[in-house]
Amino acid sequence: EREGVSCISSSGGFVTYIDSLKGRFTTSRDKAK
């Protein structure tokens, strides 16, 4: 099944939903692009 990985808020904060990915995956915004 499809699973949630991470999410970034409108303010730039983010959360990683899968424990095994914490510290390995980073979500960020590139506003210029």
ModelCIF file with pLDDT and N, C-alpha, C, O atoms, coordinates in Angstrom:
data_MODEL
#
_entry.id   MODEL 
#
_entity.id                         1 
_entity.type                       polymer 
_entity.pdbx_number_of_molecules   1 
#
_entity_poly.entity_id                      1 
_entity_poly.type                           'polypeptide(L)' 
_entity_poly.nstd_linkage                   no 
_entity_poly.nstd_monomer                   no 
_entity_poly.pdbx_seq_one_letter_code       EREGVSCISSSGGFVTYIDSLKGRFTTSRDKAK 
_entity_poly.pdbx_seq_one_letter_code_can   EREGVSCISSSGGFVTYIDSLKGRFTTSRDKAK 
_entity_poly.pdbx_strand_id                 A 
#
loop_
_entity_poly_seq.entity_id 
_entity_poly_seq.num 
_entity_poly_seq.mon_id 
_entity_poly_seq.hetero 
1 1  GLU n 
1 2  ARG n 
1 3  GLU n 
1 4  GLY n 
1 5  VAL n 
1 6  SER n 
1 7  CYS n 
1 8  ILE n 
1 9  SER n 
1 10 SER n 
1 11 SER n 
1 12 GLY n 
1 13 GLY n 
1 14 PHE n 
1 15 VAL n 
1 16 THR n 
1 17 TYR n 
1 18 ILE n 
1 19 ASP n 
1 20 SER n 
1 21 LEU n 
1 22 LYS n 
1 23 GLY n 
1 24 ARG n 
1 25 PHE n 
1 26 THR n 
1 27 THR n 
1 28 SER n 
1 29 ARG n 
1 30 ASP n 
1 31 LYS n 
1 32 ALA n 
1 33 LYS n 
#
_struct_asym.id          A 
_struct_asym.entity_id   1 
#
loop_
_ma_qa_metric.id 
_ma_qa_metric.mode 
_ma_qa_metric.name 
_ma_qa_metric.software_group_id 
_ma_qa_metric.type 
1 global pLDDT . pLDDT 
2 local  pLDDT . pLDDT 
#
_ma_qa_metric_global.metric_id      1 
_ma_qa_metric_global.metric_value   92.36 
_ma_qa_metric_global.model_id       1 
_ma_qa_metric_global.ordinal_id     1 
#
loop_
_ma_qa_metric_local.label_asym_id 
_ma_qa_metric_local.label_comp_id 
_ma_qa_metric_local.label_seq_id 
_ma_qa_metric_local.metric_id 
_ma_qa_metric_local.metric_value 
_ma_qa_metric_local.model_id 
_ma_qa_metric_local.ordinal_id 
A GLU 1  2 95.00 1 1  
A ARG 2  2 95.00 1 2  
A GLU 3  2 94.00 1 3  
A GLY 4  2 95.00 1 4  
A VAL 5  2 96.00 1 5  
A SER 6  2 95.00 1 6  
A CYS 7  2 95.00 1 7  
A ILE 8  2 95.00 1 8  
A SER 9  2 92.00 1 9  
A SER 10 2 86.00 1 10 
A SER 11 2 85.00 1 11 
A GLY 12 2 82.00 1 12 
A GLY 13 2 89.00 1 13 
A PHE 14 2 90.00 1 14 
A VAL 15 2 90.00 1 15 
A THR 16 2 92.00 1 16 
A TYR 17 2 92.00 1 17 
A ILE 18 2 90.00 1 18 
A ASP 19 2 90.00 1 19 
A SER 20 2 88.00 1 20 
A LEU 21 2 90.00 1 21 
A LYS 22 2 90.00 1 22 
A GLY 23 2 92.00 1 23 
A ARG 24 2 96.00 1 24 
A PHE 25 2 96.00 1 25 
A THR 26 2 95.00 1 26 
A THR 27 2 95.00 1 27 
A SER 28 2 95.00 1 28 
A ARG 29 2 95.00 1 29 
A ASP 30 2 95.00 1 30 
A LYS 31 2 92.00 1 31 
A ALA 32 2 95.00 1 32 
A LYS 33 2 96.00 1 33 
#
loop_
_atom_site.group_PDB 
_atom_site.id 
_atom_site.type_symbol 
_atom_site.label_atom_id 
_atom_site.label_alt_id 
_atom_site.label_comp_id 
_atom_site.label_asym_id 
_atom_site.label_entity_id 
_atom_site.label_seq_id 
_atom_site.pdbx_PDB_ins_code 
_atom_site.Cartn_x 
_atom_site.Cartn_y 
_atom_site.Cartn_z 
_atom_site.occupancy 
_atom_site.B_iso_or_equiv 
_atom_site.pdbx_formal_charge 
_atom_site.auth_seq_id 
_atom_site.auth_comp_id 
_atom_site.auth_asym_id 
_atom_site.auth_atom_id 
_atom_site.pdbx_PDB_model_num 
ATOM 1   N N  . GLU A 1 1  ? 0.824  -1.194 0.000  1.00 95.00 ? 1  GLU A N  1 
ATOM 2   C CA . GLU A 1 1  ? 0.000  0.000  0.000  1.00 95.00 ? 1  GLU A CA 1 
ATOM 3   C C  . GLU A 1 1  ? 0.864  1.252  0.000  1.00 95.00 ? 1  GLU A C  1 
ATOM 4   O O  . GLU A 1 1  ? 2.007  1.248  0.457  1.00 95.00 ? 1  GLU A O  1 
ATOM 5   N N  . ARG A 1 2  ? 0.290  2.306  -0.519 1.00 95.00 ? 2  ARG A N  1 
ATOM 6   C CA . ARG A 1 2  ? 0.968  3.585  -0.476 1.00 95.00 ? 2  ARG A CA 1 
ATOM 7   C C  . ARG A 1 2  ? 1.096  4.058  0.966  1.00 95.00 ? 2  ARG A C  1 
ATOM 8   O O  . ARG A 1 2  ? 0.146  3.968  1.744  1.00 95.00 ? 2  ARG A O  1 
ATOM 9   N N  . GLU A 1 3  ? 2.268  4.560  1.316  1.00 94.00 ? 3  GLU A N  1 
ATOM 10  C CA . GLU A 1 3  ? 2.503  5.013  2.675  1.00 94.00 ? 3  GLU A CA 1 
ATOM 11  C C  . GLU A 1 3  ? 3.084  6.419  2.677  1.00 94.00 ? 3  GLU A C  1 
ATOM 12  O O  . GLU A 1 3  ? 3.825  6.805  1.773  1.00 94.00 ? 3  GLU A O  1 
ATOM 13  N N  . GLY A 1 4  ? 2.739  7.162  3.696  1.00 95.00 ? 4  GLY A N  1 
ATOM 14  C CA . GLY A 1 4  ? 3.281  8.489  3.846  1.00 95.00 ? 4  GLY A CA 1 
ATOM 15  C C  . GLY A 1 4  ? 4.730  8.440  4.285  1.00 95.00 ? 4  GLY A C  1 
ATOM 16  O O  . GLY A 1 4  ? 5.088  7.669  5.176  1.00 95.00 ? 4  GLY A O  1 
ATOM 17  N N  . VAL A 1 5  ? 5.559  9.254  3.667  1.00 96.00 ? 5  VAL A N  1 
ATOM 18  C CA . VAL A 1 5  ? 6.983  9.320  3.979  1.00 96.00 ? 5  VAL A CA 1 
ATOM 19  C C  . VAL A 1 5  ? 7.296  10.523 4.853  1.00 96.00 ? 5  VAL A C  1 
ATOM 20  O O  . VAL A 1 5  ? 7.884  10.388 5.926  1.00 96.00 ? 5  VAL A O  1 
ATOM 21  N N  . SER A 1 6  ? 6.900  11.692 4.389  1.00 95.00 ? 6  SER A N  1 
ATOM 22  C CA . SER A 1 6  ? 7.217  12.918 5.101  1.00 95.00 ? 6  SER A CA 1 
ATOM 23  C C  . SER A 1 6  ? 6.289  14.014 4.629  1.00 95.00 ? 6  SER A C  1 
ATOM 24  O O  . SER A 1 6  ? 5.541  13.853 3.665  1.00 95.00 ? 6  SER A O  1 
ATOM 25  N N  . CYS A 1 7  ? 6.356  15.133 5.332  1.00 95.00 ? 7  CYS A N  1 
ATOM 26  C CA . CYS A 1 7  ? 5.533  16.273 4.964  1.00 95.00 ? 7  CYS A CA 1 
ATOM 27  C C  . CYS A 1 7  ? 6.221  17.543 5.436  1.00 95.00 ? 7  CYS A C  1 
ATOM 28  O O  . CYS A 1 7  ? 6.849  17.567 6.495  1.00 95.00 ? 7  CYS A O  1 
ATOM 29  N N  . ILE A 1 8  ? 6.098  18.589 4.645  1.00 95.00 ? 8  ILE A N  1 
ATOM 30  C CA . ILE A 1 8  ? 6.625  19.889 5.014  1.00 95.00 ? 8  ILE A CA 1 
ATOM 31  C C  . ILE A 1 8  ? 5.471  20.879 5.041  1.00 95.00 ? 8  ILE A C  1 
ATOM 32  O O  . ILE A 1 8  ? 4.622  20.893 4.150  1.00 95.00 ? 8  ILE A O  1 
ATOM 33  N N  . SER A 1 9  ? 5.458  21.697 6.071  1.00 92.00 ? 9  SER A N  1 
ATOM 34  C CA . SER A 1 9  ? 4.356  22.627 6.264  1.00 92.00 ? 9  SER A CA 1 
ATOM 35  C C  . SER A 1 9  ? 4.574  23.898 5.464  1.00 92.00 ? 9  SER A C  1 
ATOM 36  O O  . SER A 1 9  ? 5.625  24.097 4.856  1.00 92.00 ? 9  SER A O  1 
ATOM 37  N N  . SER A 1 10 ? 3.570  24.744 5.477  1.00 86.00 ? 10 SER A N  1 
ATOM 38  C CA . SER A 1 10 ? 3.689  26.020 4.787  1.00 86.00 ? 10 SER A CA 1 
ATOM 39  C C  . SER A 1 10 ? 4.748  26.918 5.413  1.00 86.00 ? 10 SER A C  1 
ATOM 40  O O  . SER A 1 10 ? 5.258  27.825 4.754  1.00 86.00 ? 10 SER A O  1 
ATOM 41  N N  . SER A 1 11 ? 5.082  26.676 6.675  1.00 85.00 ? 11 SER A N  1 
ATOM 42  C CA . SER A 1 11 ? 6.100  27.457 7.363  1.00 85.00 ? 11 SER A CA 1 
ATOM 43  C C  . SER A 1 11 ? 7.491  26.854 7.262  1.00 85.00 ? 11 SER A C  1 
ATOM 44  O O  . SER A 1 11 ? 8.457  27.457 7.730  1.00 85.00 ? 11 SER A O  1 
ATOM 45  N N  . GLY A 1 12 ? 7.614  25.685 6.666  1.00 82.00 ? 12 GLY A N  1 
ATOM 46  C CA . GLY A 1 12 ? 8.910  25.059 6.472  1.00 82.00 ? 12 GLY A CA 1 
ATOM 47  C C  . GLY A 1 12 ? 9.245  23.937 7.413  1.00 82.00 ? 12 GLY A C  1 
ATOM 48  O O  . GLY A 1 12 ? 10.230 23.232 7.193  1.00 82.00 ? 12 GLY A O  1 
ATOM 49  N N  . GLY A 1 13 ? 8.464  23.741 8.460  1.00 89.00 ? 13 GLY A N  1 
ATOM 50  C CA . GLY A 1 13 ? 8.693  22.612 9.324  1.00 89.00 ? 13 GLY A CA 1 
ATOM 51  C C  . GLY A 1 13 ? 8.326  21.318 8.624  1.00 89.00 ? 13 GLY A C  1 
ATOM 52  O O  . GLY A 1 13 ? 7.456  21.297 7.753  1.00 89.00 ? 13 GLY A O  1 
ATOM 53  N N  . PHE A 1 14 ? 8.984  20.249 9.004  1.00 90.00 ? 14 PHE A N  1 
ATOM 54  C CA . PHE A 1 14 ? 8.693  18.981 8.351  1.00 90.00 ? 14 PHE A CA 1 
ATOM 55  C C  . PHE A 1 14 ? 8.698  17.848 9.355  1.00 90.00 ? 14 PHE A C  1 
ATOM 56  O O  . PHE A 1 14 ? 9.264  17.951 10.444 1.00 90.00 ? 14 PHE A O  1 
ATOM 57  N N  . VAL A 1 15 ? 8.059  16.774 8.964  1.00 90.00 ? 15 VAL A N  1 
ATOM 58  C CA . VAL A 1 15 ? 7.982  15.581 9.779  1.00 90.00 ? 15 VAL A CA 1 
ATOM 59  C C  . VAL A 1 15 ? 8.228  14.378 8.889  1.00 90.00 ? 15 VAL A C  1 
ATOM 60  O O  . VAL A 1 15 ? 7.778  14.339 7.744  1.00 90.00 ? 15 VAL A O  1 
ATOM 61  N N  . THR A 1 16 ? 8.940  13.401 9.416  1.00 92.00 ? 16 THR A N  1 
ATOM 62  C CA . THR A 1 16 ? 9.153  12.134 8.741  1.00 92.00 ? 16 THR A CA 1 
ATOM 63  C C  . THR A 1 16 ? 8.312  11.086 9.442  1.00 92.00 ? 16 THR A C  1 
ATOM 64  O O  . THR A 1 16 ? 8.458  10.865 10.644 1.00 92.00 ? 16 THR A O  1 
ATOM 65  N N  . TYR A 1 17 ? 7.442  10.447 8.702  1.00 92.00 ? 17 TYR A N  1 
ATOM 66  C CA . TYR A 1 17 ? 6.465  9.561  9.310  1.00 92.00 ? 17 TYR A CA 1 
ATOM 67  C C  . TYR A 1 17 ? 6.984  8.160  9.565  1.00 92.00 ? 17 TYR A C  1 
ATOM 68  O O  . TYR A 1 17 ? 6.502  7.485  10.474 1.00 92.00 ? 17 TYR A O  1 
ATOM 69  N N  . ILE A 1 18 ? 7.942  7.713  8.796  1.00 90.00 ? 18 ILE A N  1 
ATOM 70  C CA . ILE A 1 18 ? 8.462  6.354  8.909  1.00 90.00 ? 18 ILE A CA 1 
ATOM 71  C C  . ILE A 1 18 ? 9.725  6.381  9.744  1.00 90.00 ? 18 ILE A C  1 
ATOM 72  O O  . ILE A 1 18 ? 10.693 7.059  9.400  1.00 90.00 ? 18 ILE A O  1 
ATOM 73  N N  . ASP A 1 19 ? 9.715  5.642  10.843 1.00 90.00 ? 19 ASP A N  1 
ATOM 74  C CA . ASP A 1 19 ? 10.826 5.709  11.790 1.00 90.00 ? 19 ASP A CA 1 
ATOM 75  C C  . ASP A 1 19 ? 12.162 5.368  11.148 1.00 90.00 ? 19 ASP A C  1 
ATOM 76  O O  . ASP A 1 19 ? 13.176 5.999  11.449 1.00 90.00 ? 19 ASP A O  1 
ATOM 77  N N  . SER A 1 20 ? 12.172 4.384  10.274 1.00 88.00 ? 20 SER A N  1 
ATOM 78  C CA . SER A 1 20 ? 13.427 3.955  9.676  1.00 88.00 ? 20 SER A CA 1 
ATOM 79  C C  . SER A 1 20 ? 14.026 4.999  8.739  1.00 88.00 ? 20 SER A C  1 
ATOM 80  O O  . SER A 1 20 ? 15.192 4.893  8.358  1.00 88.00 ? 20 SER A O  1 
ATOM 81  N N  . LEU A 1 21 ? 13.247 5.995  8.369  1.00 90.00 ? 21 LEU A N  1 
ATOM 82  C CA . LEU A 1 21 ? 13.730 7.041  7.481  1.00 90.00 ? 21 LEU A CA 1 
ATOM 83  C C  . LEU A 1 21 ? 14.221 8.276  8.215  1.00 90.00 ? 21 LEU A C  1 
ATOM 84  O O  . LEU A 1 21 ? 14.889 9.125  7.625  1.00 90.00 ? 21 LEU A O  1 
ATOM 85  N N  . LYS A 1 22 ? 13.902 8.382  9.478  1.00 90.00 ? 22 LYS A N  1 
ATOM 86  C CA . LYS A 1 22 ? 14.316 9.544  10.241 1.00 90.00 ? 22 LYS A CA 1 
ATOM 87  C C  . LYS A 1 22 ? 15.835 9.607  10.316 1.00 90.00 ? 22 LYS A C  1 
ATOM 88  O O  . LYS A 1 22 ? 16.497 8.620  10.636 1.00 90.00 ? 22 LYS A O  1 
ATOM 89  N N  . GLY A 1 23 ? 16.367 10.772 10.020 1.00 92.00 ? 23 GLY A N  1 
ATOM 90  C CA . GLY A 1 23 ? 17.803 10.943 9.963  1.00 92.00 ? 23 GLY A CA 1 
ATOM 91  C C  . GLY A 1 23 ? 18.407 10.620 8.619  1.00 92.00 ? 23 GLY A C  1 
ATOM 92  O O  . GLY A 1 23 ? 19.567 10.952 8.373  1.00 92.00 ? 23 GLY A O  1 
ATOM 93  N N  . ARG A 1 24 ? 17.655 9.982  7.742  1.00 96.00 ? 24 ARG A N  1 
ATOM 94  C CA . ARG A 1 24 ? 18.134 9.649  6.400  1.00 96.00 ? 24 ARG A CA 1 
ATOM 95  C C  . ARG A 1 24 ? 17.464 10.486 5.316  1.00 96.00 ? 24 ARG A C  1 
ATOM 96  O O  . ARG A 1 24 ? 18.084 10.814 4.304  1.00 96.00 ? 24 ARG A O  1 
ATOM 97  N N  . PHE A 1 25 ? 16.217 10.825 5.528  1.00 96.00 ? 25 PHE A N  1 
ATOM 98  C CA . PHE A 1 25 ? 15.461 11.596 4.544  1.00 96.00 ? 25 PHE A CA 1 
ATOM 99  C C  . PHE A 1 25 ? 15.196 12.989 5.096  1.00 96.00 ? 25 PHE A C  1 
ATOM 100 O O  . PHE A 1 25 ? 14.821 13.143 6.258  1.00 96.00 ? 25 PHE A O  1 
ATOM 101 N N  . THR A 1 26 ? 15.390 13.995 4.264  1.00 95.00 ? 26 THR A N  1 
ATOM 102 C CA . THR A 1 26 ? 15.145 15.375 4.645  1.00 95.00 ? 26 THR A CA 1 
ATOM 103 C C  . THR A 1 26 ? 14.281 16.049 3.594  1.00 95.00 ? 26 THR A C  1 
ATOM 104 O O  . THR A 1 26 ? 14.541 15.936 2.396  1.00 95.00 ? 26 THR A O  1 
ATOM 105 N N  . THR A 1 27 ? 13.264 16.741 4.045  1.00 95.00 ? 27 THR A N  1 
ATOM 106 C CA . THR A 1 27 ? 12.370 17.472 3.159  1.00 95.00 ? 27 THR A CA 1 
ATOM 107 C C  . THR A 1 27 ? 12.601 18.961 3.338  1.00 95.00 ? 27 THR A C  1 
ATOM 108 O O  . THR A 1 27 ? 12.703 19.451 4.463  1.00 95.00 ? 27 THR A O  1 
ATOM 109 N N  . SER A 1 28 ? 12.683 19.673 2.237  1.00 95.00 ? 28 SER A N  1 
ATOM 110 C CA . SER A 1 28 ? 12.925 21.103 2.292  1.00 95.00 ? 28 SER A CA 1 
ATOM 111 C C  . SER A 1 28 ? 12.245 21.777 1.112  1.00 95.00 ? 28 SER A C  1 
ATOM 112 O O  . SER A 1 28 ? 11.798 21.124 0.168  1.00 95.00 ? 28 SER A O  1 
ATOM 113 N N  . ARG A 1 29 ? 12.179 23.086 1.191  1.00 95.00 ? 29 ARG A N  1 
ATOM 114 C CA . ARG A 1 29 ? 11.602 23.871 0.105  1.00 95.00 ? 29 ARG A CA 1 
ATOM 115 C C  . ARG A 1 29 ? 12.688 24.605 -0.654 1.00 95.00 ? 29 ARG A C  1 
ATOM 116 O O  . ARG A 1 29 ? 13.634 25.132 -0.068 1.00 95.00 ? 29 ARG A O  1 
ATOM 117 N N  . ASP A 1 30 ? 12.540 24.630 -1.944 1.00 95.00 ? 30 ASP A N  1 
ATOM 118 C CA . ASP A 1 30 ? 13.360 25.459 -2.814 1.00 95.00 ? 30 ASP A CA 1 
ATOM 119 C C  . ASP A 1 30 ? 12.411 26.479 -3.427 1.00 95.00 ? 30 ASP A C  1 
ATOM 120 O O  . ASP A 1 30 ? 11.857 26.263 -4.505 1.00 95.00 ? 30 ASP A O  1 
ATOM 121 N N  . LYS A 1 31 ? 12.235 27.582 -2.730 1.00 92.00 ? 31 LYS A N  1 
ATOM 122 C CA . LYS A 1 31 ? 11.234 28.557 -3.154 1.00 92.00 ? 31 LYS A CA 1 
ATOM 123 C C  . LYS A 1 31 ? 11.564 29.183 -4.498 1.00 92.00 ? 31 LYS A C  1 
ATOM 124 O O  . LYS A 1 31 ? 10.664 29.509 -5.272 1.00 92.00 ? 31 LYS A O  1 
ATOM 125 N N  . ALA A 1 32 ? 12.852 29.353 -4.777 1.00 95.00 ? 32 ALA A N  1 
ATOM 126 C CA . ALA A 1 32 ? 13.243 29.960 -6.038 1.00 95.00 ? 32 ALA A CA 1 
ATOM 127 C C  . ALA A 1 32 ? 12.783 29.128 -7.224 1.00 95.00 ? 32 ALA A C  1 
ATOM 128 O O  . ALA A 1 32 ? 12.492 29.667 -8.292 1.00 95.00 ? 32 ALA A O  1 
ATOM 129 N N  . LYS A 1 33 ? 12.717 27.828 -7.039 1.00 96.00 ? 33 LYS A N  1 
ATOM 130 C CA . LYS A 1 33 ? 12.289 26.937 -8.103 1.00 96.00 ? 33 LYS A CA 1 
ATOM 131 C C  . LYS A 1 33 ? 10.850 26.474 -7.939 1.00 96.00 ? 33 LYS A C  1 
ATOM 132 O O  . LYS A 1 33 ? 10.349 25.713 -8.766 1.00 96.00 ? 33 LYS A O  1 
#
